[in-house]
Each structure stands twice: as C-alpha cells, then as structure tokens.
Amino acid sequence: MNLDDIQKLVKMLDDSGLDEMTIEEGDFKITLKRKSNSAQNISLPPSMFMPAAQMLPPSLPTSLPATSPTNAPAPTASTPLAPPEPEPAPPPKKYKEIRSPMVGTFYRAPSPEANPYVQVGDYITKGKVLCIIEAMKLMNEIESDVEGKIVKIMVENAQPVEYDQVLFLVEESSAAG
C-alpha cells in the first residue's frame, strides 16, 4: 500500500458521506474516521504494506455499509475522547491557510540540530520550503504556494498531521505584484 492508495481511501470516505470506514483483508486493517470539517483519522498497523490488488477488492463499496452503522444518526455521547471542536475561532479571511497534502509527521527543520525552515514573522515567497512531512519513511518538502508573512504555525514539531490539516496561517502580501 502506498500514499496514493491511502489518499484514494480518504477521498472515497469523503465522497461516500460515511463517518467511519474500516477495511479488513487478512492481517491488514485500516480504519478511517471523519472528524469535524472532514478531516480524517487514519490508523494503520505495521503490516499495512500489501499489494494494492489484495487490499481493494472489487466488492469493497458494497461491503462498507455492513461494517459501519446504518443510516442511523451518529451518537453524540459515544465519542467522549474527542471534545467537540467546531473550529476554534476561525481566522480572519485575510489569512491564507497552508494545508497538509498528506498524512504524516510534521517537522519544522531538515534535522533535529538544524534551524527551522520558517518562524512566525518570516516573509515567505512562492516555492519556499516551509516544513517536511514524513510519510511512510519518505521526507516530503512542503512548499509555499503564496507570498506573505507567517502569522501562525498551527502544528508542533514532530507531531502527526492529517490530510488537509492547517499547518500555517499566512498573511498574503498585497504589494507583491
């Protein structure tokens, strides 16, 4: 299983409207859970590396409703582990959100001894490396798609991040032609 397969599963969950999806095939098991604002939690066992053909059988879409609750309303009291966070005070729309393109571990610097790529208050340009996200032992440099000033870093160093999670808030540069 590779990152593309995981991203396809995340998209499948988004498109299906389900709140939770579990796929189990032999020793392999993956559970995707929808959080508020359609962010996902992904739990993978160490034995997740299998051929994709074995992992996604053709009957997968028809077996999903059997492994998840039917169209009953989602119980609110049965999820005490995650307190409801509808979105802690949404930032003013003048800030551009730079989001994680994948699930992985967020690193602010190329190595533990190195200085962070960016700090709050730094001016960034398009293409500037902002951080690294480690996914399945691969280090992926995340580059800026905007010019402006880093207003807030939303994730602590060496913490797990989810697909589409906000990593940075950037005040876009209005004078940058």
N, C-alpha and C. Protein backbone atom coordinates (compact mmCIF):
# COMPACT_ATOMS: atom_id res chain seq x y z
N MET A 1 0.86 -1.18 0.00
CA MET A 1 0.00 0.00 0.00
C MET A 1 0.89 1.23 0.00
N ASN A 2 0.54 2.20 -0.82
CA ASN A 2 1.35 3.41 -0.87
C ASN A 2 0.48 4.62 -0.54
N LEU A 3 1.10 5.77 -0.53
CA LEU A 3 0.41 7.01 -0.15
C LEU A 3 -0.77 7.30 -1.07
N ASP A 4 -0.63 7.01 -2.36
CA ASP A 4 -1.74 7.24 -3.29
C ASP A 4 -2.95 6.39 -2.92
N ASP A 5 -2.70 5.13 -2.52
CA ASP A 5 -3.81 4.26 -2.11
C ASP A 5 -4.53 4.84 -0.90
N ILE A 6 -3.76 5.35 0.06
CA ILE A 6 -4.36 5.93 1.27
C ILE A 6 -5.18 7.17 0.90
N GLN A 7 -4.63 8.01 0.03
CA GLN A 7 -5.35 9.21 -0.38
C GLN A 7 -6.64 8.86 -1.13
N LYS A 8 -6.61 7.76 -1.92
CA LYS A 8 -7.83 7.32 -2.61
C LYS A 8 -8.88 6.87 -1.59
N LEU A 9 -8.43 6.19 -0.54
CA LEU A 9 -9.36 5.77 0.51
C LEU A 9 -9.96 6.97 1.22
N VAL A 10 -9.14 7.99 1.49
CA VAL A 10 -9.63 9.20 2.15
C VAL A 10 -10.68 9.88 1.25
N LYS A 11 -10.40 9.95 -0.05
CA LYS A 11 -11.36 10.55 -0.98
C LYS A 11 -12.64 9.73 -1.04
N MET A 12 -12.49 8.40 -1.01
CA MET A 12 -13.66 7.53 -1.03
C MET A 12 -14.54 7.79 0.19
N LEU A 13 -13.91 8.00 1.35
CA LEU A 13 -14.67 8.30 2.57
C LEU A 13 -15.39 9.64 2.41
N ASP A 14 -14.68 10.64 1.89
CA ASP A 14 -15.30 11.96 1.67
C ASP A 14 -16.49 11.86 0.74
N ASP A 15 -16.34 11.14 -0.36
CA ASP A 15 -17.40 11.04 -1.36
C ASP A 15 -18.59 10.22 -0.89
N SER A 16 -18.34 9.28 0.02
CA SER A 16 -19.40 8.36 0.44
C SER A 16 -20.38 8.99 1.42
N GLY A 17 -19.96 9.98 2.18
CA GLY A 17 -20.83 10.56 3.20
C GLY A 17 -20.83 9.77 4.50
N LEU A 18 -20.06 8.68 4.56
CA LEU A 18 -19.97 7.90 5.79
C LEU A 18 -19.10 8.63 6.81
N ASP A 19 -19.32 8.34 8.10
CA ASP A 19 -18.49 8.94 9.14
C ASP A 19 -17.29 8.06 9.48
N GLU A 20 -17.38 6.78 9.17
CA GLU A 20 -16.30 5.85 9.50
C GLU A 20 -16.27 4.75 8.46
N MET A 21 -15.05 4.30 8.15
CA MET A 21 -14.89 3.22 7.19
C MET A 21 -13.75 2.33 7.68
N THR A 22 -13.99 1.02 7.75
CA THR A 22 -12.97 0.06 8.14
C THR A 22 -12.83 -0.95 7.02
N ILE A 23 -11.59 -1.17 6.61
CA ILE A 23 -11.31 -2.16 5.57
C ILE A 23 -10.39 -3.19 6.20
N GLU A 24 -10.80 -4.45 6.12
CA GLU A 24 -10.03 -5.52 6.73
C GLU A 24 -9.87 -6.62 5.70
N GLU A 25 -8.63 -7.02 5.45
CA GLU A 25 -8.33 -8.06 4.48
C GLU A 25 -7.16 -8.87 5.03
N GLY A 26 -7.41 -10.05 5.57
CA GLY A 26 -6.35 -10.86 6.16
C GLY A 26 -5.77 -10.16 7.38
N ASP A 27 -4.44 -9.99 7.42
CA ASP A 27 -3.78 -9.33 8.53
C ASP A 27 -3.83 -7.81 8.41
N PHE A 28 -4.28 -7.29 7.30
CA PHE A 28 -4.31 -5.86 7.06
C PHE A 28 -5.63 -5.27 7.53
N LYS A 29 -5.56 -4.14 8.21
CA LYS A 29 -6.77 -3.44 8.65
C LYS A 29 -6.49 -1.95 8.65
N ILE A 30 -7.40 -1.17 8.08
CA ILE A 30 -7.28 0.28 8.09
C ILE A 30 -8.65 0.85 8.47
N THR A 31 -8.63 1.83 9.37
CA THR A 31 -9.86 2.48 9.80
C THR A 31 -9.73 3.98 9.53
N LEU A 32 -10.71 4.52 8.85
CA LEU A 32 -10.77 5.95 8.57
C LEU A 32 -11.99 6.50 9.30
N LYS A 33 -11.80 7.58 10.05
CA LYS A 33 -12.90 8.21 10.78
C LYS A 33 -12.95 9.67 10.40
N ARG A 34 -14.14 10.15 10.15
CA ARG A 34 -14.34 11.55 9.79
C ARG A 34 -14.43 12.38 11.07
N LYS A 35 -13.67 13.45 11.13
CA LYS A 35 -13.78 14.42 12.22
C LYS A 35 -14.55 15.61 11.70
N SER A 36 -14.77 16.60 12.57
CA SER A 36 -15.44 17.81 12.11
C SER A 36 -14.61 18.44 11.01
N ASN A 37 -15.28 19.12 10.10
CA ASN A 37 -14.64 19.78 8.95
C ASN A 37 -13.95 18.79 8.02
N SER A 38 -14.42 17.55 7.97
CA SER A 38 -13.99 16.48 7.08
C SER A 38 -12.51 16.15 7.14
N ALA A 39 -11.87 16.30 8.29
CA ALA A 39 -10.50 15.81 8.47
C ALA A 39 -10.60 14.35 8.86
N GLN A 40 -9.59 13.55 8.54
CA GLN A 40 -9.65 12.13 8.81
C GLN A 40 -8.58 11.69 9.79
N ASN A 41 -8.94 10.66 10.55
CA ASN A 41 -8.00 9.95 11.42
C ASN A 41 -7.68 8.66 10.71
N ILE A 42 -6.44 8.32 10.55
CA ILE A 42 -6.09 7.08 9.88
C ILE A 42 -5.21 6.27 10.81
N SER A 43 -5.64 5.03 11.08
CA SER A 43 -4.87 4.13 11.92
C SER A 43 -4.38 3.00 11.04
N LEU A 44 -3.08 2.77 11.01
CA LEU A 44 -2.53 1.72 10.18
C LEU A 44 -1.66 0.80 11.03
N PRO A 45 -1.81 -0.52 10.88
CA PRO A 45 -0.95 -1.45 11.59
C PRO A 45 0.40 -1.55 10.89
N PRO A 46 1.40 -2.12 11.57
CA PRO A 46 2.71 -2.27 10.93
C PRO A 46 2.66 -3.12 9.67
N SER A 47 1.69 -4.02 9.57
CA SER A 47 1.61 -4.90 8.41
C SER A 47 0.80 -4.30 7.27
N MET A 48 0.80 -2.96 7.16
CA MET A 48 -0.03 -2.30 6.16
C MET A 48 0.49 -2.45 4.74
N PHE A 49 1.71 -2.88 4.56
CA PHE A 49 2.29 -2.96 3.24
C PHE A 49 1.88 -4.27 2.57
N MET A 50 0.87 -4.21 1.71
CA MET A 50 0.38 -5.34 0.96
C MET A 50 0.18 -4.88 -0.48
N PRO A 51 0.11 -5.81 -1.40
CA PRO A 51 -0.22 -5.41 -2.77
C PRO A 51 -1.59 -4.76 -2.81
N ALA A 52 -1.71 -3.72 -3.58
CA ALA A 52 -2.97 -2.97 -3.65
C ALA A 52 -4.11 -3.84 -4.17
N ALA A 53 -3.81 -4.81 -5.03
CA ALA A 53 -4.86 -5.67 -5.58
C ALA A 53 -5.54 -6.48 -4.47
N GLN A 54 -4.78 -6.89 -3.47
CA GLN A 54 -5.37 -7.65 -2.36
C GLN A 54 -6.13 -6.72 -1.43
N MET A 55 -5.70 -5.48 -1.35
CA MET A 55 -6.27 -4.56 -0.38
C MET A 55 -7.62 -4.01 -0.80
N LEU A 56 -7.84 -3.75 -2.06
CA LEU A 56 -9.07 -3.13 -2.51
C LEU A 56 -9.85 -4.09 -3.42
N PRO A 57 -10.59 -5.01 -2.82
CA PRO A 57 -11.36 -5.95 -3.65
C PRO A 57 -12.48 -5.21 -4.38
N PRO A 58 -12.94 -5.75 -5.53
CA PRO A 58 -13.99 -5.08 -6.29
C PRO A 58 -15.29 -4.91 -5.51
N SER A 59 -15.53 -5.77 -4.54
CA SER A 59 -16.78 -5.69 -3.77
C SER A 59 -16.69 -4.70 -2.62
N LEU A 60 -15.63 -3.94 -2.53
CA LEU A 60 -15.43 -3.03 -1.41
C LEU A 60 -16.59 -2.07 -1.19
N PRO A 61 -17.07 -1.32 -2.18
CA PRO A 61 -18.13 -0.36 -1.90
C PRO A 61 -19.41 -1.00 -1.36
N THR A 62 -19.74 -2.22 -1.79
CA THR A 62 -20.96 -2.83 -1.29
C THR A 62 -20.78 -3.38 0.11
N SER A 63 -19.55 -3.63 0.55
CA SER A 63 -19.36 -4.18 1.89
C SER A 63 -19.20 -3.09 2.94
N LEU A 64 -18.99 -1.84 2.53
CA LEU A 64 -18.79 -0.78 3.51
C LEU A 64 -19.98 -0.57 4.43
N PRO A 65 -21.21 -0.47 3.95
CA PRO A 65 -22.31 -0.23 4.87
C PRO A 65 -22.46 -1.33 5.92
N ALA A 66 -22.06 -2.56 5.60
CA ALA A 66 -22.18 -3.65 6.57
C ALA A 66 -21.21 -3.47 7.72
N THR A 67 -20.07 -2.80 7.51
CA THR A 67 -19.09 -2.65 8.58
C THR A 67 -19.25 -1.34 9.33
N SER A 68 -20.15 -0.48 8.87
CA SER A 68 -20.36 0.78 9.57
C SER A 68 -21.83 0.88 9.94
N PRO A 69 -22.17 1.77 10.85
CA PRO A 69 -23.57 1.89 11.26
C PRO A 69 -24.45 2.23 10.06
N THR A 70 -25.70 1.75 10.11
CA THR A 70 -26.62 2.08 9.03
C THR A 70 -26.96 3.56 9.09
N ASN A 71 -27.90 3.99 8.35
CA ASN A 71 -28.19 5.41 8.25
C ASN A 71 -28.82 5.99 9.50
N ALA A 72 -28.50 5.46 10.65
CA ALA A 72 -28.98 6.00 11.92
C ALA A 72 -28.18 7.24 12.25
N PRO A 73 -28.75 8.18 13.02
CA PRO A 73 -27.99 9.37 13.40
C PRO A 73 -26.77 9.00 14.23
N ALA A 74 -25.69 9.71 14.02
CA ALA A 74 -24.45 9.43 14.75
C ALA A 74 -24.64 9.74 16.22
N PRO A 75 -24.29 8.78 17.12
CA PRO A 75 -24.44 9.04 18.55
C PRO A 75 -23.44 10.09 19.00
N THR A 76 -23.92 11.07 19.76
CA THR A 76 -23.03 12.14 20.19
C THR A 76 -22.34 11.81 21.50
N ALA A 77 -22.98 11.05 22.38
CA ALA A 77 -22.40 10.76 23.68
C ALA A 77 -21.38 9.64 23.62
N SER A 78 -21.31 8.90 22.51
CA SER A 78 -20.40 7.76 22.46
C SER A 78 -19.00 8.15 22.00
N THR A 79 -18.73 9.42 21.78
CA THR A 79 -17.40 9.85 21.36
C THR A 79 -16.80 10.84 22.35
N PRO A 80 -16.61 10.45 23.63
CA PRO A 80 -16.09 11.39 24.62
C PRO A 80 -14.60 11.66 24.47
N LEU A 81 -13.87 10.86 23.68
CA LEU A 81 -12.43 11.06 23.55
C LEU A 81 -12.08 12.34 22.81
N ALA A 82 -12.91 12.74 21.87
CA ALA A 82 -12.63 13.95 21.10
C ALA A 82 -13.68 15.00 21.44
N PRO A 83 -13.34 15.98 22.28
CA PRO A 83 -14.32 17.02 22.61
C PRO A 83 -14.70 17.78 21.35
N PRO A 84 -15.94 18.19 21.24
CA PRO A 84 -16.36 18.87 20.02
C PRO A 84 -15.60 20.17 19.81
N GLU A 85 -14.91 20.24 18.68
CA GLU A 85 -14.16 21.45 18.32
C GLU A 85 -14.63 21.88 16.94
N PRO A 86 -15.71 22.64 16.85
CA PRO A 86 -16.24 23.00 15.55
C PRO A 86 -15.27 23.79 14.69
N GLU A 87 -14.30 24.36 15.23
CA GLU A 87 -13.19 25.09 14.61
C GLU A 87 -12.89 26.24 15.53
N PRO A 88 -11.80 26.16 16.27
CA PRO A 88 -11.50 27.17 17.28
C PRO A 88 -11.30 28.54 16.66
N ALA A 89 -12.27 29.41 16.80
CA ALA A 89 -12.26 30.80 16.32
C ALA A 89 -11.62 30.90 14.95
N PRO A 90 -12.39 30.73 13.90
CA PRO A 90 -11.81 30.76 12.56
C PRO A 90 -11.01 32.03 12.32
N PRO A 91 -9.85 31.89 11.69
CA PRO A 91 -9.00 33.06 11.47
C PRO A 91 -9.67 34.02 10.50
N PRO A 92 -9.33 35.29 10.61
CA PRO A 92 -9.88 36.24 9.64
C PRO A 92 -9.52 35.79 8.23
N LYS A 93 -10.38 36.04 7.28
CA LYS A 93 -10.17 35.55 5.93
C LYS A 93 -8.98 36.20 5.23
N LYS A 94 -8.36 37.19 5.86
CA LYS A 94 -7.18 37.77 5.23
C LYS A 94 -5.99 36.82 5.32
N TYR A 95 -6.10 35.76 6.13
CA TYR A 95 -5.02 34.79 6.27
C TYR A 95 -5.25 33.62 5.32
N LYS A 96 -4.21 33.25 4.63
CA LYS A 96 -4.23 32.08 3.74
C LYS A 96 -3.80 30.87 4.56
N GLU A 97 -4.56 29.79 4.47
CA GLU A 97 -4.23 28.56 5.18
C GLU A 97 -3.38 27.68 4.27
N ILE A 98 -2.23 27.26 4.78
CA ILE A 98 -1.42 26.28 4.06
C ILE A 98 -1.70 24.95 4.73
N ARG A 99 -2.21 24.00 3.94
CA ARG A 99 -2.69 22.73 4.49
C ARG A 99 -1.78 21.57 4.12
N SER A 100 -1.88 20.51 4.91
CA SER A 100 -1.09 19.32 4.66
C SER A 100 -1.67 18.54 3.48
N PRO A 101 -0.83 18.20 2.50
CA PRO A 101 -1.32 17.43 1.36
C PRO A 101 -1.36 15.92 1.64
N MET A 102 -0.97 15.53 2.86
CA MET A 102 -0.89 14.09 3.16
C MET A 102 -0.93 13.86 4.66
N VAL A 103 -1.08 12.61 5.02
CA VAL A 103 -1.00 12.18 6.41
C VAL A 103 0.47 11.88 6.69
N GLY A 104 0.98 12.29 7.85
CA GLY A 104 2.37 12.01 8.17
C GLY A 104 2.79 12.70 9.45
N THR A 105 4.10 12.87 9.60
CA THR A 105 4.66 13.54 10.77
C THR A 105 5.29 14.86 10.33
N PHE A 106 4.91 15.94 11.01
CA PHE A 106 5.33 17.30 10.68
C PHE A 106 6.68 17.61 11.31
N TYR A 107 7.62 18.11 10.51
CA TYR A 107 8.92 18.55 11.02
C TYR A 107 9.18 19.96 10.52
N ARG A 108 9.59 20.85 11.43
CA ARG A 108 9.85 22.24 11.08
C ARG A 108 11.23 22.45 10.48
N ALA A 109 12.15 21.48 10.66
CA ALA A 109 13.53 21.64 10.20
C ALA A 109 13.98 20.36 9.50
N PRO A 110 15.04 20.46 8.68
CA PRO A 110 15.52 19.27 7.97
C PRO A 110 16.17 18.23 8.88
N SER A 111 16.61 18.64 10.07
CA SER A 111 17.18 17.70 11.04
C SER A 111 16.98 18.29 12.44
N PRO A 112 17.10 17.47 13.48
CA PRO A 112 16.88 17.98 14.84
C PRO A 112 17.83 19.11 15.23
N GLU A 113 19.04 19.13 14.66
CA GLU A 113 20.02 20.16 15.02
C GLU A 113 19.86 21.43 14.19
N ALA A 114 19.17 21.35 13.07
CA ALA A 114 19.07 22.48 12.13
C ALA A 114 18.03 23.50 12.59
N ASN A 115 18.19 24.72 12.09
CA ASN A 115 17.20 25.77 12.34
C ASN A 115 15.92 25.45 11.57
N PRO A 116 14.77 25.88 12.08
CA PRO A 116 13.50 25.66 11.36
C PRO A 116 13.52 26.35 10.00
N TYR A 117 12.77 25.79 9.06
CA TYR A 117 12.66 26.41 7.74
C TYR A 117 12.07 27.81 7.86
N VAL A 118 11.01 27.96 8.65
CA VAL A 118 10.37 29.26 8.84
C VAL A 118 9.96 29.44 10.29
N GLN A 119 9.83 30.71 10.68
CA GLN A 119 9.36 31.05 12.02
C GLN A 119 8.24 32.08 11.87
N VAL A 120 7.47 32.26 12.93
CA VAL A 120 6.42 33.28 12.91
C VAL A 120 7.07 34.63 12.65
N GLY A 121 6.50 35.39 11.72
CA GLY A 121 7.03 36.69 11.36
C GLY A 121 7.89 36.67 10.12
N ASP A 122 8.33 35.49 9.67
CA ASP A 122 9.15 35.39 8.46
C ASP A 122 8.32 35.72 7.23
N TYR A 123 8.96 36.39 6.26
CA TYR A 123 8.34 36.65 4.97
C TYR A 123 8.69 35.49 4.06
N ILE A 124 7.70 34.92 3.40
CA ILE A 124 7.94 33.78 2.51
C ILE A 124 7.53 34.12 1.09
N THR A 125 8.13 33.43 0.14
CA THR A 125 7.79 33.58 -1.26
C THR A 125 7.27 32.24 -1.79
N LYS A 126 6.64 32.28 -2.95
CA LYS A 126 6.14 31.05 -3.56
C LYS A 126 7.32 30.11 -3.81
N GLY A 127 7.13 28.84 -3.50
CA GLY A 127 8.18 27.84 -3.72
C GLY A 127 9.11 27.65 -2.54
N LYS A 128 9.02 28.49 -1.51
CA LYS A 128 9.89 28.35 -0.33
C LYS A 128 9.47 27.11 0.45
N VAL A 129 10.45 26.31 0.85
CA VAL A 129 10.17 25.14 1.68
C VAL A 129 9.78 25.62 3.07
N LEU A 130 8.62 25.16 3.56
CA LEU A 130 8.11 25.57 4.86
C LEU A 130 8.33 24.52 5.94
N CYS A 131 8.30 23.25 5.55
CA CYS A 131 8.42 22.17 6.52
C CYS A 131 8.62 20.87 5.75
N ILE A 132 8.74 19.79 6.51
CA ILE A 132 8.81 18.44 5.94
C ILE A 132 7.70 17.63 6.57
N ILE A 133 7.05 16.81 5.76
CA ILE A 133 6.10 15.83 6.30
C ILE A 133 6.64 14.46 5.93
N GLU A 134 6.92 13.68 6.97
CA GLU A 134 7.39 12.31 6.76
C GLU A 134 6.18 11.41 6.62
N ALA A 135 6.11 10.71 5.49
CA ALA A 135 5.02 9.77 5.25
C ALA A 135 5.62 8.48 4.74
N MET A 136 5.42 7.41 5.49
CA MET A 136 5.92 6.09 5.12
C MET A 136 7.42 6.12 4.82
N LYS A 137 8.17 6.72 5.73
CA LYS A 137 9.63 6.80 5.68
C LYS A 137 10.16 7.68 4.55
N LEU A 138 9.30 8.43 3.90
CA LEU A 138 9.73 9.37 2.87
C LEU A 138 9.58 10.79 3.40
N MET A 139 10.60 11.62 3.20
CA MET A 139 10.57 13.01 3.63
C MET A 139 10.07 13.87 2.47
N ASN A 140 8.92 14.51 2.67
CA ASN A 140 8.29 15.32 1.63
C ASN A 140 8.37 16.79 2.01
N GLU A 141 9.09 17.58 1.20
CA GLU A 141 9.19 19.01 1.47
C GLU A 141 7.89 19.69 1.06
N ILE A 142 7.33 20.50 1.95
CA ILE A 142 6.10 21.23 1.66
C ILE A 142 6.48 22.66 1.34
N GLU A 143 6.11 23.11 0.14
CA GLU A 143 6.48 24.43 -0.34
C GLU A 143 5.29 25.38 -0.28
N SER A 144 5.60 26.66 -0.16
CA SER A 144 4.56 27.69 -0.12
C SER A 144 3.99 27.91 -1.52
N ASP A 145 2.69 28.12 -1.58
CA ASP A 145 2.06 28.48 -2.84
C ASP A 145 1.59 29.93 -2.81
N VAL A 146 2.13 30.69 -1.84
CA VAL A 146 1.69 32.06 -1.64
C VAL A 146 2.87 32.90 -1.13
N GLU A 147 2.80 34.22 -1.35
CA GLU A 147 3.78 35.14 -0.78
C GLU A 147 3.14 35.85 0.39
N GLY A 148 3.92 36.05 1.45
CA GLY A 148 3.38 36.77 2.59
C GLY A 148 4.18 36.51 3.85
N LYS A 149 3.56 36.83 4.98
CA LYS A 149 4.22 36.70 6.28
C LYS A 149 3.58 35.57 7.08
N ILE A 150 4.41 34.72 7.68
CA ILE A 150 3.92 33.64 8.54
C ILE A 150 3.32 34.28 9.79
N VAL A 151 2.02 34.05 10.01
CA VAL A 151 1.33 34.62 11.16
C VAL A 151 1.29 33.61 12.31
N LYS A 152 1.07 32.34 11.96
CA LYS A 152 0.97 31.32 13.00
C LYS A 152 1.37 29.97 12.43
N ILE A 153 2.08 29.19 13.25
CA ILE A 153 2.39 27.81 12.92
C ILE A 153 1.44 26.96 13.75
N MET A 154 0.58 26.22 13.08
CA MET A 154 -0.53 25.54 13.74
C MET A 154 -0.19 24.16 14.31
N VAL A 155 1.01 23.64 14.02
CA VAL A 155 1.37 22.29 14.44
C VAL A 155 2.71 22.33 15.16
N GLU A 156 2.83 21.56 16.22
CA GLU A 156 4.10 21.44 16.95
C GLU A 156 5.04 20.52 16.18
N ASN A 157 6.33 20.73 16.34
CA ASN A 157 7.33 19.90 15.67
C ASN A 157 7.19 18.44 16.08
N ALA A 158 7.38 17.55 15.14
CA ALA A 158 7.38 16.09 15.33
C ALA A 158 6.01 15.55 15.73
N GLN A 159 4.94 16.28 15.41
CA GLN A 159 3.59 15.82 15.71
C GLN A 159 2.93 15.26 14.45
N PRO A 160 2.04 14.28 14.62
CA PRO A 160 1.33 13.74 13.46
C PRO A 160 0.36 14.78 12.89
N VAL A 161 0.22 14.77 11.58
CA VAL A 161 -0.74 15.63 10.91
C VAL A 161 -1.64 14.78 10.03
N GLU A 162 -2.82 15.30 9.77
CA GLU A 162 -3.80 14.62 8.95
C GLU A 162 -3.86 15.28 7.58
N TYR A 163 -4.42 14.56 6.64
CA TYR A 163 -4.65 15.11 5.32
C TYR A 163 -5.53 16.36 5.43
N ASP A 164 -5.14 17.44 4.79
CA ASP A 164 -5.88 18.70 4.73
C ASP A 164 -5.89 19.48 6.05
N GLN A 165 -5.04 19.10 7.01
CA GLN A 165 -4.95 19.84 8.27
C GLN A 165 -4.19 21.14 8.03
N VAL A 166 -4.62 22.22 8.67
CA VAL A 166 -3.95 23.51 8.52
C VAL A 166 -2.59 23.46 9.22
N LEU A 167 -1.53 23.80 8.48
CA LEU A 167 -0.17 23.81 9.03
C LEU A 167 0.28 25.23 9.38
N PHE A 168 0.00 26.18 8.50
CA PHE A 168 0.45 27.56 8.67
C PHE A 168 -0.67 28.52 8.30
N LEU A 169 -0.66 29.69 8.96
CA LEU A 169 -1.50 30.81 8.54
C LEU A 169 -0.56 31.88 8.01
N VAL A 170 -0.86 32.37 6.81
CA VAL A 170 0.00 33.35 6.15
C VAL A 170 -0.83 34.58 5.80
N GLU A 171 -0.30 35.74 6.17
CA GLU A 171 -0.92 37.00 5.75
C GLU A 171 -0.37 37.30 4.37
N GLU A 172 -1.25 37.20 3.38
CA GLU A 172 -0.80 37.38 2.00
C GLU A 172 -0.28 38.78 1.76
N SER A 173 0.75 38.86 0.94
CA SER A 173 1.36 40.13 0.60
C SER A 173 0.53 40.81 -0.48
N SER A 174 0.00 42.00 -0.17
CA SER A 174 -0.84 42.71 -1.15
C SER A 174 0.00 43.55 -2.10
N ALA A 175 1.21 43.92 -1.69
CA ALA A 175 2.07 44.78 -2.52
C ALA A 175 2.94 43.96 -3.46
N ALA A 176 2.90 42.62 -3.34
CA ALA A 176 3.78 41.78 -4.16
C ALA A 176 3.17 41.56 -5.53
N GLY A 177 3.26 42.31 -6.48
CA GLY A 177 2.66 42.24 -7.77
C GLY A 177 2.41 40.95 -8.30
